[in-house]
Amino acid sequence: MGIMYKNFSANRLTNMGGYFMSNRLFQSVIHQMKDAIGRMVGVVDETGTIISCSELGRIGEVQEASLSDIFTSGEATVVDACTYRAFGTHMHPEYAVFVEGADEIACRYVDIIAVSLSSIKQYYDEKYDRGNFIKNVILDNILPGDIYLKARELRFNNDATRVVLLIRILEHNDVSIYDVIQNLFPDKTKDFVININETDIALVKEVRANIEPKDLEKLARSIADSLGTEFYTHALVGIGTTVSGIKELARSFKEAQVALEVGKVFDTEKTIVSYDNLGIARLIYQLPTTLCDMFLREVFKRGSIENLDQETLFTIQRFFENNLNVSETSRKLFVHRNTLVYRLEKIKKLTGLDLREFDDAIVFKVALMVKKYLDSNPVKY
């Protein structure tokens, strides 16, 4: 071949971590090109290091001859019996393909291969950078002013409607849930699956502008059901609100987080929790705990809520579920109407609140939710 190489140091190889994914893509093409052209073919980076080659033993070696002309000329260049052509970004090529030989055929080969590898690199960079970009956006790791610049650079459709679904895995198995969800949403140009931590995976989904909340819940249900029935993995799904504009994705993500946290306190039986449907629970979650304590003290001036036994609390719950209807509640509890009235009078005596009165019932209902919220040691986002 005529090119002199020296062994590539282990430290240099270790530092190539950022290149490995794109290099594997290069290697796949290079391997196929060898059979097509019948010559050795490979790719070097700016340091002259071979990062992909049809002769696998040469990967990791570095050329001693200077390749600076190759990366600046913009044309096919012959160095030591091999023809090179740089490719990469237009302003600053990062790689060069080489083909064994210094003839016209070698020149044509490098032109063709350079176009192919450049397209592959562009596709990979856009996909990889888009995923990282979206992750930085939802985690608030990027300045607001930089979001629109980066979105324009990556050719994002800023007007599209998107929503964030947060999938929380409650039990682990050997299946990669991240890969499973990626396979469920294969359109990498519109949908992004992002690892948040060891239990949470965010799905940033592009949806139609007028999508109904019930359709989002149906989508979330299909994810939870797929994980449960096919992979025996129990998962919760929190749904943020639909948003327009890349910048608003961080809000949708936080809403999905809040939905899961509020659901964990107030809707423990639900596996799908939508931020839009949290109701008064969302308001309570946003209150400072000191204010909640003050509210409970004011409501239960005559006595603490702890004075109510479990039977009484169960009666109260059923009374609320039956819209403060004494007759219907007594029927559902299988007790005489007078027995229920006696219990309600007992609650009034202990708390000063008559649950048969709408205003008192609302105050008591909120107080129960506040107490439940405080007992849960809430995590705020």
Protein backbone atom coordinates (compact mmCIF):
# COMPACT_ATOMS: atom_id res chain seq x y z
CA MET A 1 0.00 0.00 0.00
CA GLY A 2 2.92 2.35 0.59
CA ILE A 3 1.55 4.12 3.70
CA MET A 4 3.55 4.02 6.94
CA TYR A 5 1.57 3.51 10.15
CA LYS A 6 2.36 3.34 13.84
CA ASN A 7 0.25 1.67 16.51
CA PHE A 8 -2.56 3.79 17.86
CA SER A 9 -2.25 4.35 21.61
CA ALA A 10 -4.82 2.92 24.03
CA ASN A 11 -5.51 6.37 25.47
CA ARG A 12 -6.31 7.79 22.04
CA LEU A 13 -8.66 4.91 21.39
CA THR A 14 -10.41 5.51 24.69
CA ASN A 15 -11.05 9.12 23.71
CA MET A 16 -12.86 8.07 20.55
CA GLY A 17 -16.11 7.30 22.45
CA GLY A 18 -17.94 10.15 20.77
CA TYR A 19 -17.16 8.71 17.34
CA PHE A 20 -18.14 5.08 17.88
CA MET A 21 -21.79 5.20 16.83
CA SER A 22 -21.19 6.96 13.52
CA ASN A 23 -18.09 4.79 12.93
CA ARG A 24 -20.20 1.67 13.12
CA LEU A 25 -22.40 3.14 10.42
CA PHE A 26 -19.33 3.91 8.31
CA GLN A 27 -17.97 0.40 8.83
CA SER A 28 -21.16 -1.20 7.55
CA VAL A 29 -20.87 0.70 4.25
CA ILE A 30 -17.10 0.20 3.97
CA HIS A 31 -17.47 -3.55 4.42
CA GLN A 32 -19.95 -3.71 1.55
CA MET A 33 -17.83 -1.43 -0.65
CA LYS A 34 -14.85 -3.78 -0.47
CA ASP A 35 -16.72 -6.51 -2.34
CA ALA A 36 -18.12 -4.00 -4.85
CA ILE A 37 -14.83 -2.31 -5.82
CA GLY A 38 -12.27 -5.01 -5.04
CA ARG A 39 -9.88 -2.60 -3.32
CA MET A 40 -9.06 -1.65 0.22
CA VAL A 41 -11.23 1.23 1.35
CA GLY A 42 -11.49 3.06 4.66
CA VAL A 43 -12.10 6.27 6.59
CA VAL A 44 -9.67 8.42 8.59
CA ASP A 45 -10.38 11.29 10.96
CA GLU A 46 -8.48 14.59 11.10
CA THR A 47 -5.64 13.05 13.10
CA GLY A 48 -5.02 10.48 10.37
CA THR A 49 -6.46 7.68 12.50
CA ILE A 50 -8.23 4.91 10.61
CA ILE A 51 -11.67 4.64 12.20
CA SER A 52 -13.25 2.29 9.62
CA CYS A 53 -11.57 -0.01 7.11
CA SER A 54 -12.27 -3.01 4.91
CA GLU A 55 -9.12 -4.52 6.46
CA LEU A 56 -10.25 -4.70 10.08
CA GLY A 57 -6.72 -5.08 11.42
CA ARG A 58 -5.89 -1.51 10.38
CA ILE A 59 -8.64 0.14 12.43
CA GLY A 60 -6.99 2.21 15.16
CA GLU A 61 -3.75 2.80 13.28
CA VAL A 62 -2.60 6.32 12.48
CA GLN A 63 -0.85 7.57 9.38
CA GLU A 64 2.44 9.35 9.93
CA ALA A 65 2.23 11.41 6.74
CA SER A 66 0.45 14.78 6.97
CA LEU A 67 -3.15 14.81 5.75
CA SER A 68 -3.73 18.54 6.16
CA ASP A 69 -4.03 19.10 2.39
CA ILE A 70 -6.77 16.50 2.17
CA PHE A 71 -9.03 18.38 4.61
CA THR A 72 -8.43 21.79 3.04
CA SER A 73 -8.31 21.19 -0.71
CA GLY A 74 -11.92 20.07 -1.16
CA GLU A 75 -10.79 17.70 -3.94
CA ALA A 76 -9.60 14.13 -4.27
CA THR A 77 -5.95 13.97 -3.17
CA VAL A 78 -3.35 11.21 -3.61
CA VAL A 79 -1.11 10.41 -0.62
CA ASP A 80 1.27 7.44 -0.66
CA ALA A 81 -0.55 5.42 -3.34
CA CYS A 82 -4.03 6.01 -1.87
CA THR A 83 -6.67 8.47 -3.03
CA TYR A 84 -8.43 10.52 -0.32
CA ARG A 85 -11.46 12.76 -0.25
CA ALA A 86 -12.70 14.68 2.81
CA PHE A 87 -16.34 14.79 3.86
CA GLY A 88 -18.42 16.02 6.77
CA THR A 89 -19.72 19.51 7.41
CA HIS A 90 -19.35 21.92 4.53
CA MET A 91 -17.21 24.44 6.42
CA HIS A 92 -15.11 21.95 8.34
CA PRO A 93 -14.79 18.37 7.02
CA GLU A 94 -14.14 15.94 9.88
CA TYR A 95 -13.41 12.73 7.98
CA ALA A 96 -11.81 11.53 4.77
CA VAL A 97 -12.49 8.37 2.81
CA PHE A 98 -9.56 6.63 1.10
CA VAL A 99 -9.35 4.00 -1.62
CA GLU A 100 -6.27 2.01 -2.50
CA GLY A 101 -4.77 3.26 -5.77
CA ALA A 102 -3.84 6.55 -7.43
CA ASP A 103 -5.65 6.07 -10.74
CA GLU A 104 -8.79 7.66 -12.17
CA ILE A 105 -10.98 4.79 -10.98
CA ALA A 106 -9.82 5.32 -7.40
CA CYS A 107 -10.73 8.98 -7.75
CA ARG A 108 -14.23 8.10 -8.88
CA TYR A 109 -14.63 5.62 -6.07
CA VAL A 110 -13.74 8.12 -3.35
CA ASP A 111 -16.15 10.67 -4.81
CA ILE A 112 -19.02 8.19 -4.73
CA ILE A 113 -18.20 6.80 -1.28
CA ALA A 114 -17.70 10.30 0.18
CA VAL A 115 -21.21 11.29 -0.93
CA SER A 116 -22.68 8.13 0.60
CA LEU A 117 -20.89 8.46 3.93
CA SER A 118 -21.61 12.17 4.14
CA SER A 119 -25.35 11.48 3.77
CA ILE A 120 -25.17 8.76 6.42
CA LYS A 121 -23.37 11.08 8.82
CA GLN A 122 -25.85 13.87 8.27
CA TYR A 123 -28.78 11.54 8.93
CA TYR A 124 -27.22 10.15 12.09
CA ASP A 125 -26.13 13.56 13.42
CA GLU A 126 -29.61 15.00 12.94
CA LYS A 127 -31.27 12.07 14.67
CA TYR A 128 -28.76 11.97 17.53
CA ASP A 129 -28.67 15.73 18.03
CA ARG A 130 -32.46 16.00 17.88
CA GLY A 131 -32.87 13.48 20.67
CA ASN A 132 -30.33 15.27 22.87
CA PHE A 133 -31.86 18.61 22.01
CA ILE A 134 -35.35 17.50 23.05
CA LYS A 135 -33.96 16.02 26.27
CA ASN A 136 -32.23 19.30 27.11
CA VAL A 137 -35.43 21.21 26.36
CA ILE A 138 -37.72 19.17 28.62
CA LEU A 139 -35.16 19.12 31.43
CA ASP A 140 -34.61 22.91 31.17
CA ASN A 141 -30.93 22.43 30.36
CA ILE A 142 -30.89 24.93 27.50
CA LEU A 143 -31.36 28.67 27.51
CA PRO A 144 -34.74 29.82 26.10
CA GLY A 145 -33.00 32.04 23.54
CA ASP A 146 -30.98 29.09 22.25
CA ILE A 147 -34.00 26.84 21.77
CA TYR A 148 -35.28 28.56 18.63
CA LEU A 149 -31.79 28.83 17.13
CA LYS A 150 -31.11 25.12 17.65
CA ALA A 151 -34.59 24.15 16.46
CA ARG A 152 -34.06 26.08 13.23
CA GLU A 153 -30.63 24.53 12.80
CA LEU A 154 -32.09 21.03 13.21
CA ARG A 155 -35.04 21.90 10.95
CA PHE A 156 -37.65 21.27 13.64
CA ASN A 157 -41.26 22.12 12.91
CA ASN A 158 -41.85 24.60 15.71
CA ASP A 159 -45.57 24.89 14.92
CA ALA A 160 -46.33 21.20 15.47
CA THR A 161 -48.51 20.16 18.40
CA ARG A 162 -46.78 17.83 20.84
CA VAL A 163 -47.42 16.24 24.21
CA VAL A 164 -45.16 14.63 26.80
CA LEU A 165 -46.10 11.28 28.34
CA LEU A 166 -44.03 10.15 31.32
CA ILE A 167 -43.84 6.37 31.75
CA ARG A 168 -42.82 5.21 35.21
CA ILE A 169 -41.71 1.60 35.60
CA LEU A 170 -42.75 0.18 38.97
CA GLU A 171 -40.96 -3.13 38.67
CA HIS A 172 -37.90 -4.16 36.70
CA ASN A 173 -37.17 -7.20 34.60
CA ASP A 174 -34.58 -8.13 31.99
CA VAL A 175 -36.44 -6.38 29.18
CA SER A 176 -35.15 -2.98 28.00
CA ILE A 177 -38.33 -0.92 28.33
CA TYR A 178 -36.61 1.96 26.55
CA ASP A 179 -36.13 -0.21 23.45
CA VAL A 180 -39.68 -1.52 23.68
CA ILE A 181 -41.16 1.98 23.70
CA GLN A 182 -38.89 3.03 20.85
CA ASN A 183 -40.22 0.12 18.82
CA LEU A 184 -43.78 1.17 19.62
CA PHE A 185 -43.05 4.63 18.17
CA PRO A 186 -40.62 4.07 15.28
CA ASP A 187 -41.03 7.47 13.59
CA LYS A 188 -37.81 9.07 14.85
CA THR A 189 -38.51 12.34 13.04
CA LYS A 190 -41.69 13.05 15.04
CA ASP A 191 -41.54 11.01 18.24
CA PHE A 192 -38.71 11.00 20.78
CA VAL A 193 -38.16 8.46 23.54
CA ILE A 194 -35.89 9.78 26.30
CA ASN A 195 -34.40 8.07 29.35
CA ILE A 196 -34.89 10.35 32.36
CA ASN A 197 -33.65 8.03 35.09
CA GLU A 198 -33.74 4.34 35.96
CA THR A 199 -37.53 4.34 36.44
CA ASP A 200 -38.84 7.14 34.19
CA ILE A 201 -38.98 7.32 30.39
CA ALA A 202 -40.41 10.34 28.58
CA LEU A 203 -42.22 10.07 25.27
CA VAL A 204 -42.41 13.33 23.32
CA LYS A 205 -45.18 12.63 20.82
CA GLU A 206 -46.31 14.75 17.90
CA VAL A 207 -50.11 14.78 17.73
CA ARG A 208 -52.81 16.47 15.70
CA ALA A 209 -53.72 19.97 16.84
CA ASN A 210 -57.30 19.16 17.88
CA ILE A 211 -56.64 15.83 19.60
CA GLU A 212 -59.12 14.95 22.34
CA PRO A 213 -57.95 14.18 25.90
CA LYS A 214 -59.65 10.78 25.68
CA ASP A 215 -57.47 9.93 22.67
CA LEU A 216 -54.33 10.77 24.66
CA GLU A 217 -55.56 8.56 27.48
CA LYS A 218 -56.23 5.79 24.97
CA LEU A 219 -52.65 6.17 23.69
CA ALA A 220 -51.30 6.01 27.25
CA ARG A 221 -53.46 2.98 27.97
CA SER A 222 -52.11 1.17 24.92
CA ILE A 223 -48.54 1.74 26.18
CA ALA A 224 -49.32 0.50 29.69
CA ASP A 225 -51.22 -2.51 28.33
CA SER A 226 -48.41 -3.44 25.92
CA LEU A 227 -45.84 -3.33 28.70
CA GLY A 228 -48.10 -5.32 31.01
CA THR A 229 -49.42 -8.03 28.71
CA GLU A 230 -46.38 -8.59 26.51
CA PHE A 231 -43.50 -7.89 28.89
CA TYR A 232 -45.10 -8.35 32.34
CA THR A 233 -44.01 -4.87 33.39
CA HIS A 234 -46.27 -2.73 35.55
CA ALA A 235 -46.10 0.93 34.54
CA LEU A 236 -47.85 4.21 35.29
CA VAL A 237 -48.29 6.88 32.63
CA GLY A 238 -48.61 10.61 33.35
CA ILE A 239 -49.94 12.85 30.57
CA GLY A 240 -49.02 16.53 30.24
CA THR A 241 -51.07 19.02 28.25
CA THR A 242 -50.65 19.41 24.50
CA VAL A 243 -48.41 22.33 23.56
CA SER A 244 -47.32 24.21 20.45
CA GLY A 245 -43.70 25.28 20.16
CA ILE A 246 -40.54 23.50 21.28
CA LYS A 247 -40.07 25.77 24.28
CA GLU A 248 -43.37 24.69 25.85
CA LEU A 249 -42.32 21.02 25.99
CA ALA A 250 -40.65 21.62 29.36
CA ARG A 251 -44.04 22.64 30.78
CA SER A 252 -45.77 19.56 29.38
CA PHE A 253 -43.04 17.37 30.89
CA LYS A 254 -43.41 18.96 34.34
CA GLU A 255 -47.18 18.53 34.10
CA ALA A 256 -46.72 14.82 33.36
CA GLN A 257 -44.47 14.59 36.45
CA VAL A 258 -47.05 16.38 38.58
CA ALA A 259 -49.78 14.09 37.23
CA LEU A 260 -47.89 11.02 38.43
CA GLU A 261 -47.10 12.52 41.84
CA VAL A 262 -50.67 13.74 42.43
CA GLY A 263 -52.03 10.43 41.19
CA LYS A 264 -49.79 8.61 43.64
CA VAL A 265 -51.50 10.53 46.47
CA PHE A 266 -55.12 10.88 45.40
CA ASP A 267 -55.73 8.23 42.70
CA THR A 268 -53.67 5.27 43.81
CA GLU A 269 -55.70 2.81 41.73
CA LYS A 270 -55.21 4.64 38.44
CA THR A 271 -52.40 3.69 36.07
CA ILE A 272 -53.15 6.54 33.64
CA VAL A 273 -53.21 10.04 35.12
CA SER A 274 -53.80 13.14 33.02
CA TYR A 275 -52.81 16.60 34.22
CA ASP A 276 -56.03 17.99 32.73
CA ASN A 277 -58.15 15.75 34.97
CA LEU A 278 -56.49 16.36 38.33
CA GLY A 279 -59.10 18.88 39.39
CA ILE A 280 -58.83 20.23 42.92
CA ALA A 281 -56.03 17.76 43.70
CA ARG A 282 -53.75 19.78 41.45
CA LEU A 283 -54.53 22.95 43.42
CA ILE A 284 -53.80 21.23 46.73
CA TYR A 285 -50.52 19.85 45.42
CA GLN A 286 -49.37 23.35 44.53
CA LEU A 287 -50.04 24.72 48.04
CA PRO A 288 -47.20 25.15 50.56
CA THR A 289 -47.37 22.56 53.34
CA THR A 290 -47.38 25.31 55.99
CA LEU A 291 -50.55 26.74 54.46
CA CYS A 292 -52.10 23.25 54.43
CA ASP A 293 -51.36 22.80 58.14
CA MET A 294 -52.94 26.17 58.88
CA PHE A 295 -56.03 25.25 56.88
CA LEU A 296 -56.53 21.99 58.81
CA ARG A 297 -56.21 23.77 62.15
CA GLU A 298 -58.82 26.32 61.12
CA VAL A 299 -61.27 23.71 59.80
CA PHE A 300 -61.05 21.40 62.80
CA LYS A 301 -61.16 23.95 65.58
CA ARG A 302 -63.27 21.74 67.85
CA GLY A 303 -61.17 18.64 67.47
CA SER A 304 -58.58 16.93 65.31
CA ILE A 305 -59.44 14.89 62.23
CA GLU A 306 -57.64 12.03 63.97
CA ASN A 307 -60.63 11.78 66.34
CA LEU A 308 -62.66 10.22 63.53
CA ASP A 309 -62.50 6.42 63.46
CA GLN A 310 -62.21 4.33 60.30
CA GLU A 311 -65.91 3.46 60.24
CA THR A 312 -66.83 7.14 60.36
CA LEU A 313 -64.34 8.02 57.62
CA PHE A 314 -65.72 5.20 55.46
CA THR A 315 -69.23 6.55 55.98
CA ILE A 316 -68.09 10.03 54.96
CA GLN A 317 -66.47 8.66 51.80
CA ARG A 318 -69.65 6.83 50.77
CA PHE A 319 -71.74 9.92 51.56
CA PHE A 320 -69.61 11.99 49.18
CA GLU A 321 -69.70 9.29 46.51
CA ASN A 322 -73.51 9.37 46.61
CA ASN A 323 -73.73 13.15 46.23
CA LEU A 324 -74.76 13.84 49.86
CA ASN A 325 -77.90 11.76 49.43
CA VAL A 326 -78.84 10.26 52.83
CA SER A 327 -81.28 7.66 51.52
CA GLU A 328 -78.99 6.40 48.76
CA THR A 329 -75.96 6.28 51.05
CA SER A 330 -77.79 4.33 53.75
CA ARG A 331 -78.94 1.84 51.11
CA LYS A 332 -75.39 1.36 49.80
CA LEU A 333 -74.08 0.96 53.37
CA PHE A 334 -76.89 -1.47 54.27
CA VAL A 335 -77.81 0.58 57.34
CA HIS A 336 -81.04 2.23 58.43
CA ARG A 337 -81.50 5.85 57.42
CA ASN A 338 -81.67 6.92 61.06
CA THR A 339 -78.36 5.19 61.74
CA LEU A 340 -76.68 7.25 59.02
CA VAL A 341 -78.28 10.44 60.33
CA TYR A 342 -76.94 9.60 63.80
CA ARG A 343 -73.43 9.18 62.38
CA LEU A 344 -73.65 12.50 60.53
CA GLU A 345 -74.77 14.21 63.73
CA LYS A 346 -71.81 12.67 65.53
CA ILE A 347 -69.46 14.10 62.86
CA LYS A 348 -71.08 17.52 63.26
CA LYS A 349 -70.57 17.39 67.00
CA LEU A 350 -66.90 16.43 66.66
CA THR A 351 -65.95 18.82 63.86
CA GLY A 352 -68.60 21.51 63.76
CA LEU A 353 -69.32 20.67 60.12
CA ASP A 354 -72.70 19.40 58.93
CA LEU A 355 -72.00 17.27 55.86
CA ARG A 356 -75.62 17.57 54.78
CA GLU A 357 -74.91 21.24 54.07
CA PHE A 358 -73.18 21.76 50.72
CA ASP A 359 -70.67 24.39 51.91
CA ASP A 360 -69.64 22.34 54.94
CA ALA A 361 -69.33 19.23 52.76
CA ILE A 362 -66.97 21.03 50.37
CA VAL A 363 -64.77 22.23 53.24
CA PHE A 364 -64.64 18.77 54.75
CA LYS A 365 -63.87 17.12 51.41
CA VAL A 366 -60.98 19.50 50.77
CA ALA A 367 -59.73 19.01 54.33
CA LEU A 368 -59.61 15.24 53.86
CA MET A 369 -57.62 15.68 50.65
CA VAL A 370 -55.22 18.12 52.31
CA LYS A 371 -54.67 15.65 55.17
CA LYS A 372 -53.98 12.86 52.69
CA TYR A 373 -51.60 15.13 50.81
CA LEU A 374 -49.60 16.02 53.92
CA ASP A 375 -49.39 12.37 54.98
CA SER A 376 -47.83 11.48 51.64
CA ASN A 377 -44.67 13.61 52.11
CA PRO A 378 -45.13 15.19 48.67
CA VAL A 379 -42.33 15.65 46.12
CA LYS A 380 -42.58 19.00 44.34
CA TYR A 381 -41.54 19.71 40.73
